[in-house]
Amino acid sequence: MAIVNPNSTPTPAQLLSIISTQTEIAKMGLDLNGVMTLVAERAQAMMKATGAVVELAEGEHMVYRAVAGSAGGQLGLRLNRNASLSGLCVSSAETLHCDDCETDSRVDREACRKVGVRSMIVVPLIHHGVAVGALKVFSPQPSAFSAGDLTVLTLMSELIAAAMFHAAKYGTDELFQQATRDSLTGLANRALFFDRLRHSIAKAKREGRHLGVLMLDMDGLKPINDYYGHRAGDAAIREMARRIATDARQSDTVARLGGDEFALVLSTVEGRDGALLASRRIAERCERPFSFENRSLKLGASIGLAIYPEDGELPDSLIERADQAMYVAKRERKGAGLETRT
């Protein structure tokens, strides 16, 4: 049996960080995904772990819905629920720890070797008395975590559980919506975008076809917030979301990644020309004036495009390529005097 390091009491610094995290969560309202991301980041830092993940149980899978540290590139990753320590944690609704992945039969040893994990702690997330997910921290060192770390992670999981209760009081279906949707626009959030992108890439690969990734940066939001306040800014973001999503097909994914940044997965495109045509339609629609309380405000968007498989075959490479193209477009718009101003 794995034995964690002694000392079951969190350090004063860890306790202060928990209190600080609780205060920040109170300011977030019903932003469940924001809460999960914050807790993952703080848990990783407090326990000096290499990475941290919040996984939700969805059917036969455990899905990475919030990540921190070395897990940063794995958002949206799906694991077989029956072949992971997190899945066992959810099934048993018990805290589990692994001191050495090389000797623990409950873990996928080869998978752990690939990502450099030797030890981990997994704590269940309880919603209405049912384990619906897990909070996990891991390290490349064996026996990296103490009994105090177990206590800390349990306290951090309870912060997420409290946020789940207030965000979704009526069951797991609503909980999934709160965890995967942007609260301001109703679009997919960053976690769901990466999940859908991974799925779309796998499907495109099987079927031997192209897909497109668009990254959009909203122009002019800062002056709207500065001159007319954040209520106007929120209205502009919602309007931009509506415009971007207008022509989206059911198989496409439209997401708000945060702030003034949006993204699309075009599940099927006729090569680069087809994706460019869709991009131009969106750009033209985004340039139309926006009316807020009898004021006509200007909107606009800088858009970058990447095509699978020509521009990359992995989510990160496609997003990086689309991001680069988006920044080129933004510089060109600024040089041509097209960047939106109020």
C-alpha atoms as a PDB file:
ATOM      1  CA  MET A   1       0.000   0.000   0.000  1.00  0.00           C
ATOM      2  CA  ALA A   2       1.210   3.527  -0.799  1.00  0.00           C
ATOM      3  CA  ILE A   3       2.225   5.546   2.244  1.00  0.00           C
ATOM      4  CA  VAL A   4       2.303   9.332   2.013  1.00  0.00           C
ATOM      5  CA  ASN A   5       4.906  11.425   3.741  1.00  0.00           C
ATOM      6  CA  PRO A   6       4.158  12.310   7.388  1.00  0.00           C
ATOM      7  CA  ASN A   7       2.711  15.575   8.760  1.00  0.00           C
ATOM      8  CA  SER A   8      -1.024  15.864   8.107  1.00  0.00           C
ATOM      9  CA  THR A   9      -1.230  19.577   8.908  1.00  0.00           C
ATOM     10  CA  PRO A  10      -1.192  22.126   6.061  1.00  0.00           C
ATOM     11  CA  THR A  11       1.457  24.812   6.393  1.00  0.00           C
ATOM     12  CA  PRO A  12       0.456  28.375   7.367  1.00  0.00           C
ATOM     13  CA  ALA A  13       1.252  29.488   3.801  1.00  0.00           C
ATOM     14  CA  GLN A  14      -1.068  26.825   2.386  1.00  0.00           C
ATOM     15  CA  LEU A  15      -3.883  27.836   4.730  1.00  0.00           C
ATOM     16  CA  LEU A  16      -3.509  31.502   3.769  1.00  0.00           C
ATOM     17  CA  SER A  17      -3.591  30.527   0.097  1.00  0.00           C
ATOM     18  CA  ILE A  18      -6.797  28.539   0.648  1.00  0.00           C
ATOM     19  CA  ILE A  19      -8.421  31.547   2.333  1.00  0.00           C
ATOM     20  CA  SER A  20      -7.258  33.815  -0.484  1.00  0.00           C
ATOM     21  CA  THR A  21      -8.625  31.388  -3.068  1.00  0.00           C
ATOM     22  CA  GLN A  22     -11.983  31.267  -1.299  1.00  0.00           C
ATOM     23  CA  THR A  23     -12.160  35.071  -1.391  1.00  0.00           C
ATOM     24  CA  GLU A  24     -11.410  35.156  -5.119  1.00  0.00           C
ATOM     25  CA  ILE A  25     -14.005  32.467  -5.795  1.00  0.00           C
ATOM     26  CA  ALA A  26     -16.647  34.537  -4.017  1.00  0.00           C
ATOM     27  CA  LYS A  27     -16.003  37.323  -6.536  1.00  0.00           C
ATOM     28  CA  MET A  28     -16.459  34.994  -9.511  1.00  0.00           C
ATOM     29  CA  GLY A  29     -20.149  34.374  -9.000  1.00  0.00           C
ATOM     30  CA  LEU A  30     -21.369  31.432 -11.093  1.00  0.00           C
ATOM     31  CA  ASP A  31     -18.284  31.125 -13.306  1.00  0.00           C
ATOM     32  CA  LEU A  32     -17.735  27.436 -12.568  1.00  0.00           C
ATOM     33  CA  ASN A  33     -15.020  26.956 -15.171  1.00  0.00           C
ATOM     34  CA  GLY A  34     -13.162  29.961 -13.772  1.00  0.00           C
ATOM     35  CA  VAL A  35     -13.393  28.459 -10.289  1.00  0.00           C
ATOM     36  CA  MET A  36     -12.062  25.091 -11.457  1.00  0.00           C
ATOM     37  CA  THR A  37      -9.165  26.730 -13.287  1.00  0.00           C
ATOM     38  CA  LEU A  38      -8.260  28.903 -10.297  1.00  0.00           C
ATOM     39  CA  VAL A  39      -8.336  25.942  -7.902  1.00  0.00           C
ATOM     40  CA  ALA A  40      -6.178  23.831 -10.232  1.00  0.00           C
ATOM     41  CA  GLU A  41      -3.605  26.628 -10.481  1.00  0.00           C
ATOM     42  CA  ARG A  42      -3.540  27.232  -6.724  1.00  0.00           C
ATOM     43  CA  ALA A  43      -3.406  23.520  -5.861  1.00  0.00           C
ATOM     44  CA  GLN A  44      -0.447  23.011  -8.162  1.00  0.00           C
ATOM     45  CA  ALA A  45       1.391  25.986  -6.647  1.00  0.00           C
ATOM     46  CA  MET A  46       0.592  25.149  -3.020  1.00  0.00           C
ATOM     47  CA  MET A  47       1.798  21.579  -3.269  1.00  0.00           C
ATOM     48  CA  LYS A  48       4.741  22.364  -5.535  1.00  0.00           C
ATOM     49  CA  ALA A  49       3.313  19.851  -7.984  1.00  0.00           C
ATOM     50  CA  THR A  50       4.313  19.684 -11.629  1.00  0.00           C
ATOM     51  CA  GLY A  51       0.702  19.856 -12.772  1.00  0.00           C
ATOM     52  CA  ALA A  52      -2.910  19.817 -11.653  1.00  0.00           C
ATOM     53  CA  VAL A  53      -6.135  18.834 -13.383  1.00  0.00           C
ATOM     54  CA  VAL A  54      -9.864  19.014 -12.753  1.00  0.00           C
ATOM     55  CA  GLU A  55     -11.504  16.055 -14.496  1.00  0.00           C
ATOM     56  CA  LEU A  56     -15.247  15.582 -14.924  1.00  0.00           C
ATOM     57  CA  ALA A  57     -16.806  12.169 -15.459  1.00  0.00           C
ATOM     58  CA  GLU A  58     -18.719  12.156 -18.741  1.00  0.00           C
ATOM     59  CA  GLY A  59     -20.034   8.764 -19.814  1.00  0.00           C
ATOM     60  CA  GLU A  60     -17.133   6.368 -20.252  1.00  0.00           C
ATOM     61  CA  HIS A  61     -14.531   9.126 -20.075  1.00  0.00           C
ATOM     62  CA  MET A  62     -12.772  11.392 -17.620  1.00  0.00           C
ATOM     63  CA  VAL A  63     -12.383  14.766 -19.356  1.00  0.00           C
ATOM     64  CA  TYR A  64      -9.797  17.419 -18.495  1.00  0.00           C
ATOM     65  CA  ARG A  65     -11.941  20.544 -17.911  1.00  0.00           C
ATOM     66  CA  ALA A  66      -9.336  22.696 -16.115  1.00  0.00           C
ATOM     67  CA  VAL A  67      -5.544  22.362 -16.147  1.00  0.00           C
ATOM     68  CA  ALA A  68      -2.442  23.953 -14.642  1.00  0.00           C
ATOM     69  CA  GLY A  69       1.325  23.578 -14.884  1.00  0.00           C
ATOM     70  CA  SER A  70       2.650  20.848 -17.144  1.00  0.00           C
ATOM     71  CA  ALA A  71      -0.927  19.742 -17.889  1.00  0.00           C
ATOM     72  CA  GLY A  72      -1.534  23.081 -19.620  1.00  0.00           C
ATOM     73  CA  GLY A  73      -1.493  21.590 -23.104  1.00  0.00           C
ATOM     74  CA  GLN A  74      -3.947  18.802 -22.246  1.00  0.00           C
ATOM     75  CA  LEU A  75      -7.186  20.773 -21.844  1.00  0.00           C
ATOM     76  CA  GLY A  76     -10.096  18.768 -23.243  1.00  0.00           C
ATOM     77  CA  LEU A  77      -8.178  15.472 -23.092  1.00  0.00           C
ATOM     78  CA  ARG A  78     -10.386  12.387 -22.675  1.00  0.00           C
ATOM     79  CA  LEU A  79      -9.229   9.292 -20.778  1.00  0.00           C
ATOM     80  CA  ASN A  80     -10.873   5.909 -20.419  1.00  0.00           C
ATOM     81  CA  ARG A  81     -12.716   6.111 -17.115  1.00  0.00           C
ATOM     82  CA  ASN A  82     -12.087   2.450 -16.289  1.00  0.00           C
ATOM     83  CA  ALA A  83      -8.326   2.708 -16.861  1.00  0.00           C
ATOM     84  CA  SER A  84      -7.424   5.742 -14.766  1.00  0.00           C
ATOM     85  CA  LEU A  85      -6.878   6.493 -11.094  1.00  0.00           C
ATOM     86  CA  SER A  86      -9.293   9.430 -11.470  1.00  0.00           C
ATOM     87  CA  GLY A  87     -11.995   7.099 -12.756  1.00  0.00           C
ATOM     88  CA  LEU A  88     -11.434   4.788  -9.788  1.00  0.00           C
ATOM     89  CA  CYS A  89     -11.587   7.830  -7.498  1.00  0.00           C
ATOM     90  CA  VAL A  90     -15.006   8.755  -8.916  1.00  0.00           C
ATOM     91  CA  SER A  91     -16.296   5.168  -8.737  1.00  0.00           C
ATOM     92  CA  SER A  92     -15.244   4.771  -5.118  1.00  0.00           C
ATOM     93  CA  ALA A  93     -15.885   8.416  -4.114  1.00  0.00           C
ATOM     94  CA  GLU A  94     -12.655   8.194  -2.109  1.00  0.00           C
ATOM     95  CA  THR A  95      -9.374  10.097  -2.066  1.00  0.00           C
ATOM     96  CA  LEU A  96      -6.643   8.026  -3.697  1.00  0.00           C
ATOM     97  CA  HIS A  97      -2.897   8.514  -3.766  1.00  0.00           C
ATOM     98  CA  CYS A  98      -0.121   6.857  -5.682  1.00  0.00           C
ATOM     99  CA  ASP A  99       3.414   7.146  -4.338  1.00  0.00           C
ATOM    100  CA  ASP A 100       5.059   5.466  -7.317  1.00  0.00           C
ATOM    101  CA  CYS A 101       3.448   4.806 -10.694  1.00  0.00           C
ATOM    102  CA  GLU A 102       6.157   2.224 -11.415  1.00  0.00           C
ATOM    103  CA  THR A 103       4.817  -0.093  -8.708  1.00  0.00           C
ATOM    104  CA  ASP A 104       1.092   0.831  -8.500  1.00  0.00           C
ATOM    105  CA  SER A 105      -1.137  -1.549 -10.485  1.00  0.00           C
ATOM    106  CA  ARG A 106      -4.068   0.913 -10.491  1.00  0.00           C
ATOM    107  CA  VAL A 107      -2.439   3.295 -12.935  1.00  0.00           C
ATOM    108  CA  ASP A 108      -1.517   3.081 -16.614  1.00  0.00           C
ATOM    109  CA  ARG A 109       2.243   2.787 -16.215  1.00  0.00           C
ATOM    110  CA  GLU A 110       3.108   3.496 -19.842  1.00  0.00           C
ATOM    111  CA  ALA A 111       0.856   6.576 -19.927  1.00  0.00           C
ATOM    112  CA  CYS A 112       2.492   7.891 -16.757  1.00  0.00           C
ATOM    113  CA  ARG A 113       5.949   7.358 -18.235  1.00  0.00           C
ATOM    114  CA  LYS A 114       5.005   9.329 -21.351  1.00  0.00           C
ATOM    115  CA  VAL A 115       4.080  12.418 -19.336  1.00  0.00           C
ATOM    116  CA  GLY A 116       6.745  11.962 -16.660  1.00  0.00           C
ATOM    117  CA  VAL A 117       4.423  11.282 -13.713  1.00  0.00           C
ATOM    118  CA  ARG A 118       5.682   9.216 -10.763  1.00  0.00           C
ATOM    119  CA  SER A 119       3.302  10.174  -7.945  1.00  0.00           C
ATOM    120  CA  MET A 120      -0.146  11.772  -7.640  1.00  0.00           C
ATOM    121  CA  ILE A 121      -3.114  12.504  -5.391  1.00  0.00           C
ATOM    122  CA  VAL A 122      -6.714  12.356  -6.635  1.00  0.00           C
ATOM    123  CA  VAL A 123      -9.639  13.745  -4.621  1.00  0.00           C
ATOM    124  CA  PRO A 124     -13.301  13.241  -5.628  1.00  0.00           C
ATOM    125  CA  LEU A 125     -15.582  16.188  -6.425  1.00  0.00           C
ATOM    126  CA  ILE A 126     -18.930  15.589  -4.759  1.00  0.00           C
ATOM    127  CA  HIS A 127     -22.133  17.130  -6.153  1.00  0.00           C
ATOM    128  CA  HIS A 128     -25.436  16.324  -4.390  1.00  0.00           C
ATOM    129  CA  GLY A 129     -23.822  13.331  -2.726  1.00  0.00           C
ATOM    130  CA  VAL A 130     -22.444  11.893  -5.974  1.00  0.00           C
ATOM    131  CA  ALA A 131     -18.834  11.922  -7.169  1.00  0.00           C
ATOM    132  CA  VAL A 132     -18.934  13.728 -10.536  1.00  0.00           C
ATOM    133  CA  GLY A 133     -15.249  14.374 -11.078  1.00  0.00           C
ATOM    134  CA  ALA A 134     -11.832  14.582  -9.500  1.00  0.00           C
ATOM    135  CA  LEU A 135      -9.122  17.083  -8.611  1.00  0.00           C
ATOM    136  CA  LYS A 136      -5.663  15.675  -9.271  1.00  0.00           C
ATOM    137  CA  VAL A 137      -2.096  16.859  -8.674  1.00  0.00           C
ATOM    138  CA  PHE A 138       1.009  15.012  -9.845  1.00  0.00           C
ATOM    139  CA  SER A 139       4.793  15.095  -9.716  1.00  0.00           C
ATOM    140  CA  PRO A 140       7.742  13.506 -11.564  1.00  0.00           C
ATOM    141  CA  GLN A 141       9.165  12.480  -8.177  1.00  0.00           C
ATOM    142  CA  PRO A 142       8.029   9.384  -6.246  1.00  0.00           C
ATOM    143  CA  SER A 143       6.427   9.983  -2.836  1.00  0.00           C
ATOM    144  CA  ALA A 144       6.249  13.713  -3.555  1.00  0.00           C
ATOM    145  CA  PHE A 145       3.205  14.491  -1.427  1.00  0.00           C
ATOM    146  CA  SER A 146       2.625  14.582   2.322  1.00  0.00           C
ATOM    147  CA  ALA A 147      -0.434  13.875   4.434  1.00  0.00           C
ATOM    148  CA  GLY A 148      -0.735  17.656   4.743  1.00  0.00           C
ATOM    149  CA  ASP A 149      -1.015  17.859   0.970  1.00  0.00           C
ATOM    150  CA  LEU A 150      -3.876  15.364   1.126  1.00  0.00           C
ATOM    151  CA  THR A 151      -5.649  17.675   3.550  1.00  0.00           C
ATOM    152  CA  VAL A 152      -4.998  20.710   1.363  1.00  0.00           C
ATOM    153  CA  LEU A 153      -6.298  19.009  -1.771  1.00  0.00           C
ATOM    154  CA  THR A 154      -9.429  17.873   0.063  1.00  0.00           C
ATOM    155  CA  LEU A 155     -10.090  21.456   1.183  1.00  0.00           C
ATOM    156  CA  MET A 156      -9.535  22.718  -2.368  1.00  0.00           C
ATOM    157  CA  SER A 157     -11.928  20.106  -3.777  1.00  0.00           C
ATOM    158  CA  GLU A 158     -14.562  21.349  -1.346  1.00  0.00           C
ATOM    159  CA  LEU A 159     -14.196  24.851  -2.770  1.00  0.00           C
ATOM    160  CA  ILE A 160     -15.026  23.452  -6.218  1.00  0.00           C
ATOM    161  CA  ALA A 161     -17.891  21.400  -4.783  1.00  0.00           C
ATOM    162  CA  ALA A 162     -19.381  24.522  -3.196  1.00  0.00           C
ATOM    163  CA  ALA A 163     -19.133  26.372  -6.516  1.00  0.00           C
ATOM    164  CA  MET A 164     -20.786  23.405  -8.247  1.00  0.00           C
ATOM    165  CA  PHE A 165     -23.673  23.486  -5.778  1.00  0.00           C
ATOM    166  CA  HIS A 166     -24.348  27.187  -6.293  1.00  0.00           C
ATOM    167  CA  ALA A 167     -23.874  27.035 -10.071  1.00  0.00           C
ATOM    168  CA  ALA A 168     -25.921  23.901 -10.657  1.00  0.00           C
ATOM    169  CA  LYS A 169     -28.426  23.009  -7.959  1.00  0.00           C
ATOM    170  CA  TYR A 170     -30.529  20.671 -10.052  1.00  0.00           C
ATOM    171  CA  GLY A 171     -28.240  17.922 -11.262  1.00  0.00           C
ATOM    172  CA  THR A 172     -25.326  16.875 -13.424  1.00  0.00           C
ATOM    173  CA  ASP A 173     -26.799  18.003 -16.771  1.00  0.00           C
ATOM    174  CA  GLU A 174     -26.854  21.610 -15.613  1.00  0.00           C
ATOM    175  CA  LEU A 175     -23.443  21.089 -14.028  1.00  0.00           C
ATOM    176  CA  PHE A 176     -22.006  20.093 -17.410  1.00  0.00           C
ATOM    177  CA  GLN A 177     -23.507  23.210 -19.007  1.00  0.00           C
ATOM    178  CA  GLN A 178     -22.022  25.458 -16.334  1.00  0.00           C
ATOM    179  CA  ALA A 179     -18.602  23.825 -16.653  1.00  0.00           C
ATOM    180  CA  THR A 180     -18.400  24.029 -20.452  1.00  0.00           C
ATOM    181  CA  ARG A 181     -20.232  27.234 -21.417  1.00  0.00           C
ATOM    182  CA  ASP A 182     -19.131  30.851 -21.256  1.00  0.00           C
ATOM    183  CA  SER A 183     -21.429  32.539 -18.756  1.00  0.00           C
ATOM    184  CA  LEU A 184     -21.658  35.858 -20.650  1.00  0.00           C
ATOM    185  CA  THR A 185     -22.331  34.625 -24.194  1.00  0.00           C
ATOM    186  CA  GLY A 186     -23.534  31.052 -23.836  1.00  0.00           C
ATOM    187  CA  LEU A 187     -20.872  29.923 -26.300  1.00  0.00           C
ATOM    188  CA  ALA A 188     -18.510  27.034 -25.653  1.00  0.00           C
ATOM    189  CA  ASN A 189     -15.723  27.985 -23.245  1.00  0.00           C
ATOM    190  CA  ARG A 190     -12.012  27.225 -23.589  1.00  0.00           C
ATOM    191  CA  ALA A 191     -12.310  23.726 -22.065  1.00  0.00           C
ATOM    192  CA  LEU A 192     -15.110  22.645 -24.401  1.00  0.00           C
ATOM    193  CA  PHE A 193     -13.374  24.240 -27.401  1.00  0.00           C
ATOM    194  CA  PHE A 194     -10.261  22.110 -26.886  1.00  0.00           C
ATOM    195  CA  ASP A 195     -12.397  19.013 -26.309  1.00  0.00           C
ATOM    196  CA  ARG A 196     -14.304  19.602 -29.574  1.00  0.00           C
ATOM    197  CA  LEU A 197     -11.117  20.472 -31.475  1.00  0.00           C
ATOM    198  CA  ARG A 198      -9.468  17.211 -30.430  1.00  0.00           C
ATOM    199  CA  HIS A 199     -12.580  15.276 -31.450  1.00  0.00           C
ATOM    200  CA  SER A 200     -12.846  17.110 -34.798  1.00  0.00           C
ATOM    201  CA  ILE A 201      -9.180  16.473 -35.629  1.00  0.00           C
ATOM    202  CA  ALA A 202      -9.568  12.760 -34.902  1.00  0.00           C
ATOM    203  CA  LYS A 203     -12.675  12.587 -37.092  1.00  0.00           C
ATOM    204  CA  ALA A 204     -11.064  14.555 -39.936  1.00  0.00           C
ATOM    205  CA  LYS A 205      -8.072  12.218 -39.803  1.00  0.00           C
ATOM    206  CA  ARG A 206     -10.287   9.126 -40.018  1.00  0.00           C
ATOM    207  CA  GLU A 207     -12.277  10.549 -42.929  1.00  0.00           C
ATOM    208  CA  GLY A 208      -9.314  12.065 -44.773  1.00  0.00           C
ATOM    209  CA  ARG A 209     -10.675  15.615 -44.967  1.00  0.00           C
ATOM    210  CA  HIS A 210      -9.819  19.170 -43.962  1.00  0.00           C
ATOM    211  CA  LEU A 211     -11.009  21.278 -41.052  1.00  0.00           C
ATOM    212  CA  GLY A 212     -10.447  24.920 -40.246  1.00  0.00           C
ATOM    213  CA  VAL A 213      -9.527  26.738 -37.039  1.00  0.00           C
ATOM    214  CA  LEU A 214     -10.271  30.447 -36.785  1.00  0.00           C
ATOM    215  CA  MET A 215      -8.923  32.677 -34.010  1.00  0.00           C
ATOM    216  CA  LEU A 216     -10.662  36.051 -33.636  1.00  0.00           C
ATOM    217  CA  ASP A 217      -9.571  39.040 -31.588  1.00  0.00           C
ATOM    218  CA  MET A 218     -12.264  41.663 -31.084  1.00  0.00           C
ATOM    219  CA  ASP A 219     -11.155  45.191 -32.023  1.00  0.00           C
ATOM    220  CA  GLY A 220     -12.344  48.206 -30.063  1.00  0.00           C
ATOM    221  CA  LEU A 221     -13.524  46.617 -26.823  1.00  0.00           C
ATOM    222  CA  LYS A 222     -11.189  48.634 -24.571  1.00  0.00           C
ATOM    223  CA  PRO A 223     -12.396  52.070 -25.768  1.00  0.00           C
ATOM    224  CA  ILE A 224     -16.018  50.916 -25.420  1.00  0.00           C
ATOM    225  CA  ASN A 225     -15.325  49.868 -21.815  1.00  0.00           C
ATOM    226  CA  ASP A 226     -13.382  53.093 -21.144  1.00  0.00           C
ATOM    227  CA  TYR A 227     -15.948  55.509 -22.598  1.00  0.00           C
ATOM    228  CA  TYR A 228     -19.267  53.765 -21.936  1.00  0.00           C
ATOM    229  CA  GLY A 229     -18.575  51.317 -19.117  1.00  0.00           C
ATOM    230  CA  HIS A 230     -18.432  47.556 -18.795  1.00  0.00           C
ATOM    231  CA  ARG A 231     -22.174  47.154 -19.312  1.00  0.00           C
ATOM    232  CA  ALA A 232     -21.687  48.425 -22.850  1.00  0.00           C
ATOM    233  CA  GLY A 233     -18.589  46.254 -23.206  1.00  0.00           C
ATOM    234  CA  ASP A 234     -20.511  43.143 -22.146  1.00  0.00           C
ATOM    235  CA  ALA A 235     -23.267  43.994 -24.632  1.00  0.00           C
ATOM    236  CA  ALA A 236     -20.633  44.370 -27.384  1.00  0.00           C
ATOM    237  CA  ILE A 237     -19.127  40.965 -26.515  1.00  0.00           C
ATOM    238  CA  ARG A 238     -22.559  39.318 -26.666  1.00  0.00           C
ATOM    239  CA  GLU A 239     -23.261  40.981 -30.012  1.00  0.00           C
ATOM    240  CA  MET A 240     -19.904  39.843 -31.389  1.00  0.00           C
ATOM    241  CA  ALA A 241     -20.653  36.292 -30.215  1.00  0.00           C
ATOM    242  CA  ARG A 242     -24.023  36.382 -32.006  1.00  0.00           C
ATOM    243  CA  ARG A 243     -22.448  37.607 -35.227  1.00  0.00           C
ATOM    244  CA  ILE A 244     -19.676  35.017 -35.218  1.00  0.00           C
ATOM    245  CA  ALA A 245     -22.144  32.193 -34.550  1.00  0.00           C
ATOM    246  CA  THR A 246     -24.680  33.273 -37.191  1.00  0.00           C
ATOM    247  CA  ASP A 247     -23.583  30.890 -39.951  1.00  0.00           C
ATOM    248  CA  ALA A 248     -22.172  28.134 -37.756  1.00  0.00           C
ATOM    249  CA  ARG A 249     -23.327  24.628 -38.533  1.00  0.00           C
ATOM    250  CA  GLN A 250     -24.353  22.185 -35.836  1.00  0.00           C
ATOM    251  CA  SER A 251     -21.060  20.314 -36.303  1.00  0.00           C
ATOM    252  CA  ASP A 252     -18.987  23.509 -35.894  1.00  0.00           C
ATOM    253  CA  THR A 253     -17.834  24.861 -32.546  1.00  0.00           C
ATOM    254  CA  VAL A 254     -17.959  28.569 -31.703  1.00  0.00           C
ATOM    255  CA  ALA A 255     -16.210  29.525 -28.477  1.00  0.00           C
ATOM    256  CA  ARG A 256     -15.278  32.489 -26.350  1.00  0.00           C
ATOM    257  CA  LEU A 257     -11.828  31.755 -24.962  1.00  0.00           C
ATOM    258  CA  GLY A 258     -11.885  34.743 -22.622  1.00  0.00           C
ATOM    259  CA  GLY A 259     -11.880  38.536 -22.722  1.00  0.00           C
ATOM    260  CA  ASP A 260     -12.192  39.668 -26.342  1.00  0.00           C
ATOM    261  CA  GLU A 261     -10.864  36.405 -27.819  1.00  0.00           C
ATOM    262  CA  PHE A 262     -13.071  34.003 -29.784  1.00  0.00           C
ATOM    263  CA  ALA A 263     -12.389  30.824 -31.753  1.00  0.00           C
ATOM    264  CA  LEU A 264     -14.145  28.543 -34.232  1.00  0.00           C
ATOM    265  CA  VAL A 265     -13.682  24.981 -35.355  1.00  0.00           C
ATOM    266  CA  LEU A 266     -15.018  24.637 -38.901  1.00  0.00           C
ATOM    267  CA  SER A 267     -15.644  20.893 -38.928  1.00  0.00           C
ATOM    268  CA  THR A 268     -15.623  20.582 -42.728  1.00  0.00           C
ATOM    269  CA  VAL A 269     -14.083  22.987 -45.234  1.00  0.00           C
ATOM    270  CA  GLU A 270     -13.301  22.805 -48.942  1.00  0.00           C
ATOM    271  CA  GLY A 271      -9.617  23.416 -48.416  1.00  0.00           C
ATOM    272  CA  ARG A 272      -8.115  26.803 -47.597  1.00  0.00           C
ATOM    273  CA  ASP A 273     -10.319  28.659 -50.079  1.00  0.00           C
ATOM    274  CA  GLY A 274     -13.489  27.444 -48.400  1.00  0.00           C
ATOM    275  CA  ALA A 275     -12.217  28.436 -44.961  1.00  0.00           C
ATOM    276  CA  LEU A 276     -11.105  31.860 -46.230  1.00  0.00           C
ATOM    277  CA  LEU A 277     -14.589  32.452 -47.630  1.00  0.00           C
ATOM    278  CA  ALA A 278     -16.139  31.691 -44.235  1.00  0.00           C
ATOM    279  CA  SER A 279     -13.574  33.941 -42.549  1.00  0.00           C
ATOM    280  CA  ARG A 280     -14.394  36.861 -44.867  1.00  0.00           C
ATOM    281  CA  ARG A 281     -18.129  36.488 -44.233  1.00  0.00           C
ATOM    282  CA  ILE A 282     -17.554  36.645 -40.488  1.00  0.00           C
ATOM    283  CA  ALA A 283     -15.194  39.633 -40.807  1.00  0.00           C
ATOM    284  CA  GLU A 284     -17.713  41.592 -42.877  1.00  0.00           C
ATOM    285  CA  ARG A 285     -20.495  40.880 -40.404  1.00  0.00           C
ATOM    286  CA  CYS A 286     -18.323  41.902 -37.465  1.00  0.00           C
ATOM    287  CA  GLU A 287     -17.596  45.313 -39.043  1.00  0.00           C
ATOM    288  CA  ARG A 288     -21.227  46.452 -38.953  1.00  0.00           C
ATOM    289  CA  PRO A 289     -22.084  49.211 -36.428  1.00  0.00           C
ATOM    290  CA  PHE A 290     -23.503  48.161 -33.083  1.00  0.00           C
ATOM    291  CA  SER A 291     -26.293  50.090 -31.379  1.00  0.00           C
ATOM    292  CA  PHE A 292     -26.202  50.440 -27.604  1.00  0.00           C
ATOM    293  CA  GLU A 293     -28.690  52.713 -25.833  1.00  0.00           C
ATOM    294  CA  ASN A 294     -29.183  54.867 -28.943  1.00  0.00           C
ATOM    295  CA  ARG A 295     -25.448  55.131 -29.541  1.00  0.00           C
ATOM    296  CA  SER A 296     -23.828  53.697 -32.651  1.00  0.00           C
ATOM    297  CA  LEU A 297     -20.561  52.005 -31.695  1.00  0.00           C
ATOM    298  CA  LYS A 298     -18.017  50.502 -34.043  1.00  0.00           C
ATOM    299  CA  LEU A 299     -17.024  46.877 -33.851  1.00  0.00           C
ATOM    300  CA  GLY A 300     -14.509  44.802 -35.729  1.00  0.00           C
ATOM    301  CA  ALA A 301     -12.402  41.676 -35.539  1.00  0.00           C
ATOM    302  CA  SER A 302      -8.953  40.525 -36.586  1.00  0.00           C
ATOM    303  CA  ILE A 303      -9.112  36.922 -37.789  1.00  0.00           C
ATOM    304  CA  GLY A 304      -6.449  34.269 -38.293  1.00  0.00           C
ATOM    305  CA  LEU A 305      -6.888  30.906 -40.007  1.00  0.00           C
ATOM    306  CA  ALA A 306      -5.218  27.500 -39.862  1.00  0.00           C
ATOM    307  CA  ILE A 307      -6.095  24.387 -41.874  1.00  0.00           C
ATOM    308  CA  TYR A 308      -5.771  20.752 -40.837  1.00  0.00           C
ATOM    309  CA  PRO A 309      -3.605  18.967 -41.868  1.00  0.00           C
ATOM    310  CA  GLU A 310      -1.544  21.474 -43.911  1.00  0.00           C
ATOM    311  CA  ASP A 311      -0.843  23.853 -41.006  1.00  0.00           C
ATOM    312  CA  GLY A 312      -0.562  21.211 -38.303  1.00  0.00           C
ATOM    313  CA  GLU A 313      -2.084  18.003 -37.011  1.00  0.00           C
ATOM    314  CA  LEU A 314      -2.229  18.765 -33.270  1.00  0.00           C
ATOM    315  CA  PRO A 315      -4.499  21.256 -31.457  1.00  0.00           C
ATOM    316  CA  ASP A 316      -1.616  23.392 -30.156  1.00  0.00           C
ATOM    317  CA  SER A 317       0.078  23.677 -33.554  1.00  0.00           C
ATOM    318  CA  LEU A 318      -3.151  24.652 -35.312  1.00  0.00           C
ATOM    319  CA  ILE A 319      -4.016  27.241 -32.685  1.00  0.00           C
ATOM    320  CA  GLU A 320      -0.492  28.668 -32.759  1.00  0.00           C
ATOM    321  CA  ARG A 321      -0.629  28.985 -36.552  1.00  0.00           C
ATOM    322  CA  ALA A 322      -4.080  30.635 -36.451  1.00  0.00           C
ATOM    323  CA  ASP A 323      -2.912  32.956 -33.662  1.00  0.00           C
ATOM    324  CA  GLN A 324       0.094  34.045 -35.706  1.00  0.00           C
ATOM    325  CA  ALA A 325      -2.127  34.771 -38.701  1.00  0.00           C
ATOM    326  CA  MET A 326      -4.523  36.711 -36.473  1.00  0.00           C
ATOM    327  CA  TYR A 327      -1.740  38.965 -35.149  1.00  0.00           C
ATOM    328  CA  VAL A 328      -0.570  39.613 -38.719  1.00  0.00           C
ATOM    329  CA  ALA A 329      -4.127  40.601 -39.616  1.00  0.00           C
ATOM    330  CA  LYS A 330      -4.319  42.901 -36.593  1.00  0.00           C
ATOM    331  CA  ARG A 331      -1.078  44.664 -37.569  1.00  0.00           C
ATOM    332  CA  GLU A 332      -2.338  45.078 -41.131  1.00  0.00           C
ATOM    333  CA  ARG A 333      -5.646  46.510 -39.934  1.00  0.00           C
ATOM    334  CA  LYS A 334      -3.829  48.918 -37.651  1.00  0.00           C
ATOM    335  CA  GLY A 335      -1.473  49.987 -40.458  1.00  0.00           C
ATOM    336  CA  ALA A 336      -4.412  50.562 -42.782  1.00  0.00           C
ATOM    337  CA  GLY A 337      -6.296  52.580 -40.173  1.00  0.00           C
ATOM    338  CA  LEU A 338      -9.042  49.949 -39.939  1.00  0.00           C
ATOM    339  CA  GLU A 339      -8.635  49.120 -36.263  1.00  0.00           C
ATOM    340  CA  THR A 340     -11.909  49.953 -34.555  1.00  0.00           C
ATOM    341  CA  ARG A 341     -12.236  53.113 -32.526  1.00  0.00           C
ATOM    342  CA  THR A 342     -15.273  54.612 -30.849  1.00  0.00           C
END
